[in-house]
Structures are given as structure tokens and as C-alpha cells.
Amino acid sequence: MEELTDEERMAIFSAGEALAEAPMEEFLGRHVLDPANSTFAQDLRESMLIGYGTGNSRENQQGNRPETG
């Protein structure tokens, strides 16, 4: 992981975020009539972003790098 460039690390983190977001969007598409105007959908999206951001903050503080394999 140490030999990866900043761009490669960002690509890994972006892929992780997409993998975290995809199941939530699938759930919303199946169970919420209008996800674009739903307070529940907004709360769920915000919770996912806060949780993902907290994980990234801890990674920055503790020095752990993303696992790719």
C-alpha cells in the first residue's frame, strides 16, 4: 500500500464509498416510493456519509490503509 500514489489511494477510497452506497440506494429504490423527496431517504444517505466519513477520519488518525484484497 505504501507504494501507491495519492491518486491510487483516492480511487480505492472512492470505490469503497460506492460499495457502501450501492446497497442503500438499492434498498431505497425498492422500499421508498419517492427517494428524492423522502426524509427517511435523506436521513439514510446522511447516516451513510457520516459513517463513511467517520471511518476515513479514524483511518487518518490511526494510520490504517484501505484493504484491497
C-alpha atoms as a PDB file:
ATOM      1  CA  MET A   1       0.000   0.000   0.000  1.00  0.00           C
ATOM      2  CA  GLU A   2       2.917   2.349   0.717  1.00  0.00           C
ATOM      3  CA  GLU A   3       3.978   2.388  -2.927  1.00  0.00           C
ATOM      4  CA  LEU A   4       0.589   3.583  -4.191  1.00  0.00           C
ATOM      5  CA  THR A   5       0.232   7.189  -5.298  1.00  0.00           C
ATOM      6  CA  ASP A   6      -2.289   9.556  -3.722  1.00  0.00           C
ATOM      7  CA  GLU A   7      -4.464   9.187  -6.831  1.00  0.00           C
ATOM      8  CA  GLU A   8      -4.487   5.408  -6.492  1.00  0.00           C
ATOM      9  CA  ARG A   9      -5.361   5.644  -2.802  1.00  0.00           C
ATOM     10  CA  MET A  10      -8.211   8.055  -3.589  1.00  0.00           C
ATOM     11  CA  ALA A  11      -9.522   5.621  -6.213  1.00  0.00           C
ATOM     12  CA  ILE A  12      -9.576   2.876  -3.581  1.00  0.00           C
ATOM     13  CA  PHE A  13     -11.436   5.082  -1.100  1.00  0.00           C
ATOM     14  CA  SER A  14     -13.909   6.204  -3.784  1.00  0.00           C
ATOM     15  CA  ALA A  15     -14.603   2.593  -4.725  1.00  0.00           C
ATOM     16  CA  GLY A  16     -15.218   1.785  -1.060  1.00  0.00           C
ATOM     17  CA  GLU A  17     -17.682   4.629  -0.764  1.00  0.00           C
ATOM     18  CA  ALA A  18     -19.529   3.433  -3.870  1.00  0.00           C
ATOM     19  CA  LEU A  19     -19.683  -0.085  -2.418  1.00  0.00           C
ATOM     20  CA  ALA A  20     -21.157   1.321   0.801  1.00  0.00           C
ATOM     21  CA  GLU A  21     -23.671   3.485  -1.058  1.00  0.00           C
ATOM     22  CA  ALA A  22     -24.944   0.931  -3.601  1.00  0.00           C
ATOM     23  CA  PRO A  23     -26.905  -1.332  -1.197  1.00  0.00           C
ATOM     24  CA  MET A  24     -28.523   1.701   0.420  1.00  0.00           C
ATOM     25  CA  GLU A  25     -29.664   3.071  -2.937  1.00  0.00           C
ATOM     26  CA  GLU A  26     -30.963  -0.379  -3.921  1.00  0.00           C
ATOM     27  CA  PHE A  27     -32.942  -0.555  -0.676  1.00  0.00           C
ATOM     28  CA  LEU A  28     -34.379   2.917  -1.208  1.00  0.00           C
ATOM     29  CA  GLY A  29     -35.340   2.094  -4.787  1.00  0.00           C
ATOM     30  CA  ARG A  30     -37.246  -0.979  -3.645  1.00  0.00           C
ATOM     31  CA  HIS A  31     -38.891   0.344  -0.481  1.00  0.00           C
ATOM     32  CA  VAL A  32     -39.355   4.114  -0.750  1.00  0.00           C
ATOM     33  CA  LEU A  33     -41.867   5.472  -3.254  1.00  0.00           C
ATOM     34  CA  ASP A  34     -40.072   8.762  -3.901  1.00  0.00           C
ATOM     35  CA  PRO A  35     -36.467   8.591  -2.593  1.00  0.00           C
ATOM     36  CA  ALA A  36     -35.662  12.049  -3.956  1.00  0.00           C
ATOM     37  CA  ASN A  37     -38.265  13.668  -1.676  1.00  0.00           C
ATOM     38  CA  SER A  38     -38.215  11.334   1.317  1.00  0.00           C
ATOM     39  CA  THR A  39     -36.941  12.479   4.713  1.00  0.00           C
ATOM     40  CA  PHE A  40     -36.182   8.831   5.526  1.00  0.00           C
ATOM     41  CA  ALA A  41     -34.037   8.537   2.374  1.00  0.00           C
ATOM     42  CA  GLN A  42     -32.274  11.793   3.232  1.00  0.00           C
ATOM     43  CA  ASP A  43     -31.583  10.575   6.786  1.00  0.00           C
ATOM     44  CA  LEU A  44     -30.275   7.263   5.485  1.00  0.00           C
ATOM     45  CA  ARG A  45     -27.959   8.952   2.987  1.00  0.00           C
ATOM     46  CA  GLU A  46     -26.661  11.355   5.613  1.00  0.00           C
ATOM     47  CA  SER A  47     -26.065   8.484   8.036  1.00  0.00           C
ATOM     48  CA  MET A  48     -24.113   6.565   5.406  1.00  0.00           C
ATOM     49  CA  LEU A  49     -21.976   9.611   4.592  1.00  0.00           C
ATOM     50  CA  ILE A  50     -21.338  10.389   8.262  1.00  0.00           C
ATOM     51  CA  GLY A  51     -20.403   6.768   8.955  1.00  0.00           C
ATOM     52  CA  TYR A  52     -18.106   6.607   5.955  1.00  0.00           C
ATOM     53  CA  GLY A  53     -16.552   9.950   6.912  1.00  0.00           C
ATOM     54  CA  THR A  54     -16.010   8.735  10.477  1.00  0.00           C
ATOM     55  CA  GLY A  55     -14.229   5.661   9.145  1.00  0.00           C
ATOM     56  CA  ASN A  56     -11.979   7.820   6.983  1.00  0.00           C
ATOM     57  CA  SER A  57     -11.232  10.115   9.926  1.00  0.00           C
ATOM     58  CA  ARG A  58     -10.242   7.156  12.067  1.00  0.00           C
ATOM     59  CA  GLU A  59      -8.056   5.839   9.270  1.00  0.00           C
ATOM     60  CA  ASN A  60      -6.297   9.205   9.087  1.00  0.00           C
ATOM     61  CA  GLN A  61      -5.834   9.338  12.856  1.00  0.00           C
ATOM     62  CA  GLN A  62      -4.745   5.723  13.313  1.00  0.00           C
ATOM     63  CA  GLY A  63      -2.831   5.272  10.086  1.00  0.00           C
ATOM     64  CA  ASN A  64      -4.659   2.220   8.735  1.00  0.00           C
ATOM     65  CA  ARG A  65      -4.832   1.968   4.965  1.00  0.00           C
ATOM     66  CA  PRO A  66      -7.709   0.500   2.967  1.00  0.00           C
ATOM     67  CA  GLU A  67      -7.706  -3.238   2.447  1.00  0.00           C
ATOM     68  CA  THR A  68      -7.952  -4.233  -1.202  1.00  0.00           C
ATOM     69  CA  GLY A  69      -7.727  -7.988  -1.082  1.00  0.00           C
END
